[in-house]
């Protein structure tokens, strides 16, 4: 999507928006409301990659959603335009004033919606300091309302990543405002699950930097876009100690309940609902089959 002409009035918000979580949704509502009140278009400017991938690649966090999913979710929230900015050394060097001027000249931004902890440019202008500079650049600063939360609750991408890493997908869902989702294509596995009556879809996430829940067994909803349907499932994340003497690589294998179609090479989405148990090694295939039946029963009851 090309930049808008400076003559077009735009109300914008700038940020990573990883996961498009509940806090982001509050800011986006403020953005679309402000744009509507001014008869302007709403725009989110976000980064294709996390800035730490440039600054300190080893410290770059796992992704909560791909750039494509981020765009889709922002548009679903009512944003008119989503523009991606490449976080280059030149962009990083912009001062707050230069940054605001760039927004005005390149994207036609007349107003900027900001959260309570926003800073601008290499000189780290906070929202209060930025107001004076912004006024001189003919850009209005609009503070977004704070998200109303129970005391001690912190909604942030880092908290969501921590919950996912701990396997607490229910907490992650509460902070996101929806279940955490992994999207990818179904690849070929060892096909041993089918031999014990539990065929599995081996997911290969599209985003190689995606946050993966802790090893264990989860109840999921499986969305199968090309068939236009969703089914409950059980997903094992781990090393499959009872099935393979494999190379120890991590696998994401999902048994889809009430489903038996060939979806190899197709895209599916796993929406994580609840962690059922740890991954464990069983003494024989019958014990494994019995436990999987119990897992399926629990998954159905959610």
C-alpha atoms as a PDB file:
ATOM      1  CA  UNK A   1       0.000   0.000   0.000  1.00  0.00           C
ATOM      2  CA  UNK A   2       1.485   3.383  -0.952  1.00  0.00           C
ATOM      3  CA  UNK A   3       1.706   6.343   1.385  1.00  0.00           C
ATOM      4  CA  UNK A   4      -1.235   8.714   1.339  1.00  0.00           C
ATOM      5  CA  UNK A   5      -1.011  12.206  -0.108  1.00  0.00           C
ATOM      6  CA  UNK A   6      -0.222  14.931   2.465  1.00  0.00           C
ATOM      7  CA  UNK A   7      -3.483  16.658   1.532  1.00  0.00           C
ATOM      8  CA  UNK A   8      -5.492  13.790   3.034  1.00  0.00           C
ATOM      9  CA  UNK A   9      -6.348  14.134   6.709  1.00  0.00           C
ATOM     10  CA  UNK A  10      -5.168  11.116   8.714  1.00  0.00           C
ATOM     11  CA  UNK A  11      -5.370  10.208  12.384  1.00  0.00           C
ATOM     12  CA  UNK A  12      -2.653   7.660  13.142  1.00  0.00           C
ATOM     13  CA  UNK A  13      -1.197   5.416  15.822  1.00  0.00           C
ATOM     14  CA  UNK A  14       2.337   4.036  15.703  1.00  0.00           C
ATOM     15  CA  UNK A  15       3.686   0.887  17.351  1.00  0.00           C
ATOM     16  CA  UNK A  16       4.563  -2.774  17.106  1.00  0.00           C
ATOM     17  CA  UNK A  17       1.053  -3.991  18.056  1.00  0.00           C
ATOM     18  CA  UNK A  18       2.348  -7.553  18.400  1.00  0.00           C
ATOM     19  CA  UNK A  19      -0.594  -9.842  19.065  1.00  0.00           C
ATOM     20  CA  UNK A  20      -3.101  -6.968  18.811  1.00  0.00           C
ATOM     21  CA  UNK A  21      -4.015  -7.623  22.443  1.00  0.00           C
ATOM     22  CA  UNK A  22      -6.725  -6.110  24.664  1.00  0.00           C
ATOM     23  CA  UNK A  23      -4.634  -3.011  25.426  1.00  0.00           C
ATOM     24  CA  UNK A  24      -4.040  -2.440  21.716  1.00  0.00           C
ATOM     25  CA  UNK A  25      -7.773  -2.787  21.071  1.00  0.00           C
ATOM     26  CA  UNK A  26      -8.489   0.062  23.503  1.00  0.00           C
ATOM     27  CA  UNK A  27      -6.028   2.319  21.687  1.00  0.00           C
ATOM     28  CA  UNK A  28      -7.452   1.347  18.287  1.00  0.00           C
ATOM     29  CA  UNK A  29     -10.975   2.236  19.456  1.00  0.00           C
ATOM     30  CA  UNK A  30      -9.660   5.648  20.485  1.00  0.00           C
ATOM     31  CA  UNK A  31      -8.013   5.966  17.072  1.00  0.00           C
ATOM     32  CA  UNK A  32     -11.098   5.122  15.037  1.00  0.00           C
ATOM     33  CA  UNK A  33     -13.307   7.317  17.255  1.00  0.00           C
ATOM     34  CA  UNK A  34     -10.932  10.277  16.856  1.00  0.00           C
ATOM     35  CA  UNK A  35     -10.732   9.798  13.090  1.00  0.00           C
ATOM     36  CA  UNK A  36     -14.509   9.593  12.783  1.00  0.00           C
ATOM     37  CA  UNK A  37     -14.980  12.741  14.870  1.00  0.00           C
ATOM     38  CA  UNK A  38     -12.586  14.643  12.583  1.00  0.00           C
ATOM     39  CA  UNK A  39     -13.880  13.242   9.309  1.00  0.00           C
ATOM     40  CA  UNK A  40     -10.439  11.718   8.726  1.00  0.00           C
ATOM     41  CA  UNK A  41      -9.049   8.307   7.855  1.00  0.00           C
ATOM     42  CA  UNK A  42      -7.589   6.107  10.563  1.00  0.00           C
ATOM     43  CA  UNK A  43      -4.155   4.594  10.032  1.00  0.00           C
ATOM     44  CA  UNK A  44      -1.842   2.309  11.986  1.00  0.00           C
ATOM     45  CA  UNK A  45       1.859   2.503  11.221  1.00  0.00           C
ATOM     46  CA  UNK A  46       3.625  -0.604  12.441  1.00  0.00           C
ATOM     47  CA  UNK A  47       6.890  -2.426  11.934  1.00  0.00           C
ATOM     48  CA  UNK A  48       7.349  -5.446   9.708  1.00  0.00           C
ATOM     49  CA  UNK A  49       9.894  -6.837  12.193  1.00  0.00           C
ATOM     50  CA  UNK A  50      10.479  -6.136  15.868  1.00  0.00           C
ATOM     51  CA  UNK A  51      13.066  -3.328  16.287  1.00  0.00           C
ATOM     52  CA  UNK A  52      15.248  -5.609  18.427  1.00  0.00           C
ATOM     53  CA  UNK A  53      15.837  -7.782  15.351  1.00  0.00           C
ATOM     54  CA  UNK A  54      17.973  -4.873  14.130  1.00  0.00           C
ATOM     55  CA  UNK A  55      19.332  -3.648  17.460  1.00  0.00           C
ATOM     56  CA  UNK A  56      20.008  -6.890  19.377  1.00  0.00           C
ATOM     57  CA  UNK A  57      18.916  -9.916  17.331  1.00  0.00           C
ATOM     58  CA  UNK A  58      19.697 -12.385  20.131  1.00  0.00           C
ATOM     59  CA  UNK A  59      17.241 -10.533  22.397  1.00  0.00           C
ATOM     60  CA  UNK A  60      14.436 -10.188  19.847  1.00  0.00           C
ATOM     61  CA  UNK A  61      11.216 -11.609  21.342  1.00  0.00           C
ATOM     62  CA  UNK A  62       9.115 -14.369  19.889  1.00  0.00           C
ATOM     63  CA  UNK A  63       6.233 -13.175  17.733  1.00  0.00           C
ATOM     64  CA  UNK A  64       2.604 -13.339  18.871  1.00  0.00           C
ATOM     65  CA  UNK A  65       1.351 -13.077  15.296  1.00  0.00           C
ATOM     66  CA  UNK A  66       2.790 -12.634  11.824  1.00  0.00           C
ATOM     67  CA  UNK A  67       2.756  -9.300  10.025  1.00  0.00           C
ATOM     68  CA  UNK A  68      -0.084 -10.527   7.774  1.00  0.00           C
ATOM     69  CA  UNK A  69      -2.207 -11.582  10.758  1.00  0.00           C
ATOM     70  CA  UNK A  70      -1.444  -8.309  12.521  1.00  0.00           C
ATOM     71  CA  UNK A  71      -2.673  -6.359   9.496  1.00  0.00           C
ATOM     72  CA  UNK A  72      -5.817  -8.475   9.275  1.00  0.00           C
ATOM     73  CA  UNK A  73      -6.673  -8.038  12.951  1.00  0.00           C
ATOM     74  CA  UNK A  74      -6.093  -4.281  12.864  1.00  0.00           C
ATOM     75  CA  UNK A  75      -8.363  -3.958   9.826  1.00  0.00           C
ATOM     76  CA  UNK A  76     -10.989  -6.097  11.587  1.00  0.00           C
ATOM     77  CA  UNK A  77     -10.948  -3.550  14.428  1.00  0.00           C
ATOM     78  CA  UNK A  78     -12.045  -0.873  11.962  1.00  0.00           C
ATOM     79  CA  UNK A  79      -8.763   0.754  10.939  1.00  0.00           C
ATOM     80  CA  UNK A  80      -8.885   2.192   7.414  1.00  0.00           C
ATOM     81  CA  UNK A  81      -5.206   1.701   6.525  1.00  0.00           C
ATOM     82  CA  UNK A  82      -2.247  -0.272   7.864  1.00  0.00           C
ATOM     83  CA  UNK A  83       1.232   0.786   6.734  1.00  0.00           C
ATOM     84  CA  UNK A  84       4.423  -1.099   7.509  1.00  0.00           C
ATOM     85  CA  UNK A  85       7.591   0.813   8.361  1.00  0.00           C
ATOM     86  CA  UNK A  86      11.015  -0.748   7.953  1.00  0.00           C
ATOM     87  CA  UNK A  87      12.956  -0.159  11.179  1.00  0.00           C
ATOM     88  CA  UNK A  88      16.267   0.856   9.634  1.00  0.00           C
ATOM     89  CA  UNK A  89      19.268   2.609  11.232  1.00  0.00           C
ATOM     90  CA  UNK A  90      18.108   5.787   9.472  1.00  0.00           C
ATOM     91  CA  UNK A  91      14.620   5.490  10.955  1.00  0.00           C
ATOM     92  CA  UNK A  92      16.065   4.810  14.401  1.00  0.00           C
ATOM     93  CA  UNK A  93      18.152   8.006  14.181  1.00  0.00           C
ATOM     94  CA  UNK A  94      15.129  10.298  13.645  1.00  0.00           C
ATOM     95  CA  UNK A  95      14.525  12.746  16.470  1.00  0.00           C
ATOM     96  CA  UNK A  96      11.017  13.194  17.821  1.00  0.00           C
ATOM     97  CA  UNK A  97      10.556  16.322  15.722  1.00  0.00           C
ATOM     98  CA  UNK A  98      11.871  14.620  12.586  1.00  0.00           C
ATOM     99  CA  UNK A  99       9.621  11.643  13.238  1.00  0.00           C
ATOM    100  CA  UNK A 100       6.504  13.816  13.583  1.00  0.00           C
ATOM    101  CA  UNK A 101       7.476  15.788  10.497  1.00  0.00           C
ATOM    102  CA  UNK A 102       7.908  12.546   8.529  1.00  0.00           C
ATOM    103  CA  UNK A 103       4.430  11.391   9.596  1.00  0.00           C
ATOM    104  CA  UNK A 104       2.974  14.699   8.436  1.00  0.00           C
ATOM    105  CA  UNK A 105       4.800  14.890   5.119  1.00  0.00           C
ATOM    106  CA  UNK A 106       4.781  11.234   4.042  1.00  0.00           C
ATOM    107  CA  UNK A 107       1.475   9.992   5.416  1.00  0.00           C
ATOM    108  CA  UNK A 108      -0.621  13.135   5.834  1.00  0.00           C
ATOM    109  CA  UNK A 109      -0.932  12.653   9.606  1.00  0.00           C
ATOM    110  CA  UNK A 110      -2.758  15.548  11.267  1.00  0.00           C
ATOM    111  CA  UNK A 111      -3.292  13.820  14.625  1.00  0.00           C
ATOM    112  CA  UNK A 112      -1.508  11.075  16.513  1.00  0.00           C
ATOM    113  CA  UNK A 113      -3.164   8.842  19.126  1.00  0.00           C
ATOM    114  CA  UNK A 114      -0.675   7.788  21.797  1.00  0.00           C
ATOM    115  CA  UNK A 115      -0.688   5.490  24.813  1.00  0.00           C
ATOM    116  CA  UNK A 116       0.487   6.441  28.298  1.00  0.00           C
ATOM    117  CA  UNK A 117       3.999   5.030  27.792  1.00  0.00           C
ATOM    118  CA  UNK A 118       4.712   6.258  24.264  1.00  0.00           C
ATOM    119  CA  UNK A 119       8.028   7.930  23.442  1.00  0.00           C
ATOM    120  CA  UNK A 120       9.043   9.572  20.180  1.00  0.00           C
ATOM    121  CA  UNK A 121      12.315   9.521  18.314  1.00  0.00           C
ATOM    122  CA  UNK A 122      15.956   9.055  19.231  1.00  0.00           C
ATOM    123  CA  UNK A 123      15.645  11.826  21.831  1.00  0.00           C
ATOM    124  CA  UNK A 124      12.839   9.862  23.564  1.00  0.00           C
ATOM    125  CA  UNK A 125      10.233  12.635  23.743  1.00  0.00           C
ATOM    126  CA  UNK A 126       7.407  11.580  26.054  1.00  0.00           C
ATOM    127  CA  UNK A 127       3.773  12.362  25.195  1.00  0.00           C
ATOM    128  CA  UNK A 128       3.750  15.559  27.265  1.00  0.00           C
ATOM    129  CA  UNK A 129       6.997  16.933  25.818  1.00  0.00           C
ATOM    130  CA  UNK A 130       5.911  15.896  22.335  1.00  0.00           C
ATOM    131  CA  UNK A 131       2.779  18.066  22.482  1.00  0.00           C
ATOM    132  CA  UNK A 132       4.742  21.300  22.079  1.00  0.00           C
ATOM    133  CA  UNK A 133       6.898  19.918  19.280  1.00  0.00           C
ATOM    134  CA  UNK A 134       3.886  18.342  17.586  1.00  0.00           C
ATOM    135  CA  UNK A 135       1.938  21.606  17.672  1.00  0.00           C
ATOM    136  CA  UNK A 136       4.862  23.309  15.918  1.00  0.00           C
ATOM    137  CA  UNK A 137       4.690  20.583  13.248  1.00  0.00           C
ATOM    138  CA  UNK A 138       0.882  20.937  12.975  1.00  0.00           C
ATOM    139  CA  UNK A 139       0.233  17.496  14.460  1.00  0.00           C
ATOM    140  CA  UNK A 140      -2.307  17.080  17.253  1.00  0.00           C
ATOM    141  CA  UNK A 141      -1.451  14.660  20.072  1.00  0.00           C
ATOM    142  CA  UNK A 142      -4.444  12.659  21.342  1.00  0.00           C
ATOM    143  CA  UNK A 143      -3.906  10.589  24.521  1.00  0.00           C
ATOM    144  CA  UNK A 144      -5.654   7.226  24.462  1.00  0.00           C
ATOM    145  CA  UNK A 145      -7.658   6.212  27.552  1.00  0.00           C
ATOM    146  CA  UNK A 146      -6.075   3.626  29.816  1.00  0.00           C
ATOM    147  CA  UNK A 147      -7.459   0.092  29.671  1.00  0.00           C
ATOM    148  CA  UNK A 148      -9.608  -0.554  32.764  1.00  0.00           C
ATOM    149  CA  UNK A 149      -8.097  -3.587  34.489  1.00  0.00           C
ATOM    150  CA  UNK A 150      -8.256  -5.348  37.841  1.00  0.00           C
ATOM    151  CA  UNK A 151      -5.495  -4.177  40.165  1.00  0.00           C
ATOM    152  CA  UNK A 152      -2.048  -5.709  39.428  1.00  0.00           C
ATOM    153  CA  UNK A 153      -3.116  -6.925  35.971  1.00  0.00           C
ATOM    154  CA  UNK A 154      -0.592  -6.009  33.282  1.00  0.00           C
ATOM    155  CA  UNK A 155      -1.602  -6.321  29.642  1.00  0.00           C
ATOM    156  CA  UNK A 156       1.527  -6.310  27.525  1.00  0.00           C
ATOM    157  CA  UNK A 157       3.035  -8.408  24.772  1.00  0.00           C
ATOM    158  CA  UNK A 158       5.838  -9.494  27.124  1.00  0.00           C
ATOM    159  CA  UNK A 159       3.328 -10.757  29.731  1.00  0.00           C
ATOM    160  CA  UNK A 160       1.472 -12.677  27.041  1.00  0.00           C
ATOM    161  CA  UNK A 161       4.707 -14.253  25.799  1.00  0.00           C
ATOM    162  CA  UNK A 162       5.561 -15.284  29.365  1.00  0.00           C
ATOM    163  CA  UNK A 163       2.149 -16.908  29.813  1.00  0.00           C
ATOM    164  CA  UNK A 164       2.503 -18.801  26.532  1.00  0.00           C
ATOM    165  CA  UNK A 165       6.030 -19.956  27.425  1.00  0.00           C
ATOM    166  CA  UNK A 166       4.644 -21.289  30.732  1.00  0.00           C
ATOM    167  CA  UNK A 167       1.799 -23.105  28.968  1.00  0.00           C
ATOM    168  CA  UNK A 168      -0.821 -20.857  30.590  1.00  0.00           C
ATOM    169  CA  UNK A 169      -2.820 -20.381  27.411  1.00  0.00           C
ATOM    170  CA  UNK A 170      -5.939 -19.406  29.379  1.00  0.00           C
ATOM    171  CA  UNK A 171      -4.133 -16.400  30.882  1.00  0.00           C
ATOM    172  CA  UNK A 172      -2.746 -15.542  27.448  1.00  0.00           C
ATOM    173  CA  UNK A 173      -6.292 -15.623  26.035  1.00  0.00           C
ATOM    174  CA  UNK A 174      -7.552 -13.307  28.801  1.00  0.00           C
ATOM    175  CA  UNK A 175      -4.813 -10.766  28.001  1.00  0.00           C
ATOM    176  CA  UNK A 176      -5.219 -11.078  24.242  1.00  0.00           C
ATOM    177  CA  UNK A 177      -9.010 -10.931  24.344  1.00  0.00           C
ATOM    178  CA  UNK A 178      -9.147 -14.199  22.342  1.00  0.00           C
ATOM    179  CA  UNK A 179      -7.320 -17.558  22.298  1.00  0.00           C
ATOM    180  CA  UNK A 180      -3.679 -17.562  21.273  1.00  0.00           C
ATOM    181  CA  UNK A 181      -3.389 -18.803  17.682  1.00  0.00           C
ATOM    182  CA  UNK A 182      -0.732 -20.549  15.631  1.00  0.00           C
ATOM    183  CA  UNK A 183      -1.131 -20.677  11.865  1.00  0.00           C
ATOM    184  CA  UNK A 184       0.735 -22.883   9.432  1.00  0.00           C
ATOM    185  CA  UNK A 185       0.682 -25.687   6.918  1.00  0.00           C
ATOM    186  CA  UNK A 186       0.192 -29.369   7.613  1.00  0.00           C
ATOM    187  CA  UNK A 187       3.277 -31.436   6.869  1.00  0.00           C
ATOM    188  CA  UNK A 188       3.935 -35.159   6.778  1.00  0.00           C
ATOM    189  CA  UNK A 189       4.915 -36.843  10.024  1.00  0.00           C
ATOM    190  CA  UNK A 190       5.695 -40.452  10.932  1.00  0.00           C
ATOM    191  CA  UNK A 191       1.976 -41.398  10.514  1.00  0.00           C
ATOM    192  CA  UNK A 192       2.174 -43.585  13.619  1.00  0.00           C
ATOM    193  CA  UNK A 193      -0.762 -41.803  15.229  1.00  0.00           C
ATOM    194  CA  UNK A 194      -3.084 -43.257  12.620  1.00  0.00           C
ATOM    195  CA  UNK A 195      -1.962 -46.760  13.565  1.00  0.00           C
ATOM    196  CA  UNK A 196      -3.342 -46.324  17.089  1.00  0.00           C
ATOM    197  CA  UNK A 197      -6.552 -44.623  15.967  1.00  0.00           C
ATOM    198  CA  UNK A 198      -5.449 -41.023  16.524  1.00  0.00           C
ATOM    199  CA  UNK A 199      -4.237 -39.579  13.204  1.00  0.00           C
ATOM    200  CA  UNK A 200      -2.518 -36.239  13.613  1.00  0.00           C
ATOM    201  CA  UNK A 201      -1.875 -33.111  11.576  1.00  0.00           C
ATOM    202  CA  UNK A 202       1.754 -32.024  11.916  1.00  0.00           C
ATOM    203  CA  UNK A 203       1.735 -28.199  11.984  1.00  0.00           C
ATOM    204  CA  UNK A 204       4.639 -26.216  10.589  1.00  0.00           C
ATOM    205  CA  UNK A 205       4.095 -22.596  11.702  1.00  0.00           C
ATOM    206  CA  UNK A 206       4.285 -19.979   8.947  1.00  0.00           C
ATOM    207  CA  UNK A 207       6.131 -17.605  11.265  1.00  0.00           C
ATOM    208  CA  UNK A 208       9.465 -19.164  12.234  1.00  0.00           C
ATOM    209  CA  UNK A 209       9.677 -16.701  15.152  1.00  0.00           C
ATOM    210  CA  UNK A 210       6.239 -17.590  16.517  1.00  0.00           C
ATOM    211  CA  UNK A 211       5.868 -18.059  20.272  1.00  0.00           C
ATOM    212  CA  UNK A 212       5.283 -21.771  20.962  1.00  0.00           C
ATOM    213  CA  UNK A 213       3.427 -22.846  24.122  1.00  0.00           C
ATOM    214  CA  UNK A 214       5.302 -24.954  26.674  1.00  0.00           C
ATOM    215  CA  UNK A 215       5.557 -28.653  25.946  1.00  0.00           C
ATOM    216  CA  UNK A 216       2.393 -30.495  26.870  1.00  0.00           C
ATOM    217  CA  UNK A 217      -1.058 -31.483  25.641  1.00  0.00           C
ATOM    218  CA  UNK A 218      -3.668 -28.817  24.892  1.00  0.00           C
ATOM    219  CA  UNK A 219      -7.324 -28.565  23.954  1.00  0.00           C
ATOM    220  CA  UNK A 220      -7.603 -26.487  20.799  1.00  0.00           C
ATOM    221  CA  UNK A 221     -10.100 -25.363  18.234  1.00  0.00           C
ATOM    222  CA  UNK A 222      -8.794 -26.211  14.772  1.00  0.00           C
ATOM    223  CA  UNK A 223      -9.825 -23.835  12.004  1.00  0.00           C
ATOM    224  CA  UNK A 224      -9.586 -25.272   8.476  1.00  0.00           C
ATOM    225  CA  UNK A 225     -10.100 -22.274   6.168  1.00  0.00           C
ATOM    226  CA  UNK A 226     -10.239 -24.037   2.811  1.00  0.00           C
ATOM    227  CA  UNK A 227     -13.120 -26.208   4.071  1.00  0.00           C
ATOM    228  CA  UNK A 228     -14.795 -23.359   5.960  1.00  0.00           C
ATOM    229  CA  UNK A 229     -15.082 -25.328   9.179  1.00  0.00           C
ATOM    230  CA  UNK A 230     -13.744 -25.599  12.710  1.00  0.00           C
ATOM    231  CA  UNK A 231     -13.336 -28.695  14.888  1.00  0.00           C
ATOM    232  CA  UNK A 232     -12.192 -29.335  18.452  1.00  0.00           C
ATOM    233  CA  UNK A 233      -8.825 -31.046  18.749  1.00  0.00           C
ATOM    234  CA  UNK A 234      -5.999 -32.086  21.046  1.00  0.00           C
ATOM    235  CA  UNK A 235      -2.487 -30.816  20.321  1.00  0.00           C
ATOM    236  CA  UNK A 236       0.699 -32.381  21.611  1.00  0.00           C
ATOM    237  CA  UNK A 237       3.704 -30.070  21.709  1.00  0.00           C
ATOM    238  CA  UNK A 238       6.872 -31.973  22.484  1.00  0.00           C
ATOM    239  CA  UNK A 239       9.274 -34.749  21.552  1.00  0.00           C
ATOM    240  CA  UNK A 240       6.801 -37.692  21.234  1.00  0.00           C
ATOM    241  CA  UNK A 241       8.630 -39.951  23.702  1.00  0.00           C
ATOM    242  CA  UNK A 242       6.081 -42.781  23.414  1.00  0.00           C
ATOM    243  CA  UNK A 243       5.964 -42.927  19.604  1.00  0.00           C
ATOM    244  CA  UNK A 244       9.414 -42.120  18.253  1.00  0.00           C
ATOM    245  CA  UNK A 245      12.977 -42.509  19.199  1.00  0.00           C
ATOM    246  CA  UNK A 246      13.171 -39.365  17.098  1.00  0.00           C
ATOM    247  CA  UNK A 247      15.919 -36.803  16.818  1.00  0.00           C
ATOM    248  CA  UNK A 248      14.447 -34.874  19.737  1.00  0.00           C
ATOM    249  CA  UNK A 249      13.088 -32.042  17.595  1.00  0.00           C
ATOM    250  CA  UNK A 250       9.955 -30.284  18.760  1.00  0.00           C
ATOM    251  CA  UNK A 251       6.722 -31.223  17.012  1.00  0.00           C
ATOM    252  CA  UNK A 252       3.192 -29.794  17.057  1.00  0.00           C
ATOM    253  CA  UNK A 253       0.806 -32.633  16.302  1.00  0.00           C
ATOM    254  CA  UNK A 254      -2.959 -32.269  16.449  1.00  0.00           C
ATOM    255  CA  UNK A 255      -5.642 -34.911  16.477  1.00  0.00           C
ATOM    256  CA  UNK A 256      -8.776 -33.283  15.044  1.00  0.00           C
ATOM    257  CA  UNK A 257     -11.946 -34.728  16.542  1.00  0.00           C
ATOM    258  CA  UNK A 258     -14.735 -35.918  14.239  1.00  0.00           C
ATOM    259  CA  UNK A 259     -12.622 -35.293  11.163  1.00  0.00           C
ATOM    260  CA  UNK A 260     -10.977 -37.524   8.589  1.00  0.00           C
ATOM    261  CA  UNK A 261      -9.950 -35.659   5.460  1.00  0.00           C
ATOM    262  CA  UNK A 262      -6.619 -35.233   3.702  1.00  0.00           C
ATOM    263  CA  UNK A 263      -5.297 -31.769   4.608  1.00  0.00           C
ATOM    264  CA  UNK A 264      -1.585 -32.259   3.879  1.00  0.00           C
ATOM    265  CA  UNK A 265      -0.131 -29.029   2.549  1.00  0.00           C
ATOM    266  CA  UNK A 266      -3.173 -27.046   3.666  1.00  0.00           C
ATOM    267  CA  UNK A 267      -3.224 -24.125   6.077  1.00  0.00           C
ATOM    268  CA  UNK A 268      -4.846 -24.638   9.474  1.00  0.00           C
ATOM    269  CA  UNK A 269      -5.078 -22.455  12.579  1.00  0.00           C
ATOM    270  CA  UNK A 270      -4.780 -23.765  16.135  1.00  0.00           C
ATOM    271  CA  UNK A 271      -6.669 -21.698  18.732  1.00  0.00           C
ATOM    272  CA  UNK A 272      -5.347 -22.751  22.157  1.00  0.00           C
ATOM    273  CA  UNK A 273      -8.090 -23.175  24.778  1.00  0.00           C
ATOM    274  CA  UNK A 274      -6.589 -24.995  27.764  1.00  0.00           C
ATOM    275  CA  UNK A 275      -3.562 -27.019  28.835  1.00  0.00           C
ATOM    276  CA  UNK A 276      -4.684 -30.563  29.642  1.00  0.00           C
ATOM    277  CA  UNK A 277      -1.501 -32.139  30.973  1.00  0.00           C
ATOM    278  CA  UNK A 278       2.260 -32.552  30.636  1.00  0.00           C
ATOM    279  CA  UNK A 279       3.668 -34.612  27.824  1.00  0.00           C
ATOM    280  CA  UNK A 280       4.593 -38.026  29.195  1.00  0.00           C
ATOM    281  CA  UNK A 281       6.089 -41.342  28.169  1.00  0.00           C
ATOM    282  CA  UNK A 282       3.759 -44.353  28.259  1.00  0.00           C
ATOM    283  CA  UNK A 283       4.860 -47.973  28.769  1.00  0.00           C
ATOM    284  CA  UNK A 284       2.912 -49.245  25.753  1.00  0.00           C
ATOM    285  CA  UNK A 285       0.648 -48.123  22.925  1.00  0.00           C
ATOM    286  CA  UNK A 286      -2.510 -49.242  24.719  1.00  0.00           C
ATOM    287  CA  UNK A 287      -1.737 -46.933  27.652  1.00  0.00           C
ATOM    288  CA  UNK A 288      -1.118 -44.083  25.233  1.00  0.00           C
ATOM    289  CA  UNK A 289      -4.367 -44.817  23.370  1.00  0.00           C
ATOM    290  CA  UNK A 290      -6.309 -44.834  26.663  1.00  0.00           C
ATOM    291  CA  UNK A 291      -4.843 -41.492  27.727  1.00  0.00           C
ATOM    292  CA  UNK A 292      -5.561 -39.897  24.345  1.00  0.00           C
ATOM    293  CA  UNK A 293      -9.177 -41.034  24.648  1.00  0.00           C
ATOM    294  CA  UNK A 294      -9.374 -39.343  28.053  1.00  0.00           C
ATOM    295  CA  UNK A 295      -7.751 -36.190  26.613  1.00  0.00           C
ATOM    296  CA  UNK A 296     -10.305 -36.122  23.790  1.00  0.00           C
ATOM    297  CA  UNK A 297     -13.159 -36.463  26.275  1.00  0.00           C
ATOM    298  CA  UNK A 298     -11.856 -33.517  28.337  1.00  0.00           C
ATOM    299  CA  UNK A 299     -11.343 -31.433  25.187  1.00  0.00           C
ATOM    300  CA  UNK A 300     -14.931 -32.058  24.085  1.00  0.00           C
ATOM    301  CA  UNK A 301     -16.253 -30.903  27.460  1.00  0.00           C
ATOM    302  CA  UNK A 302     -14.686 -27.431  27.265  1.00  0.00           C
END
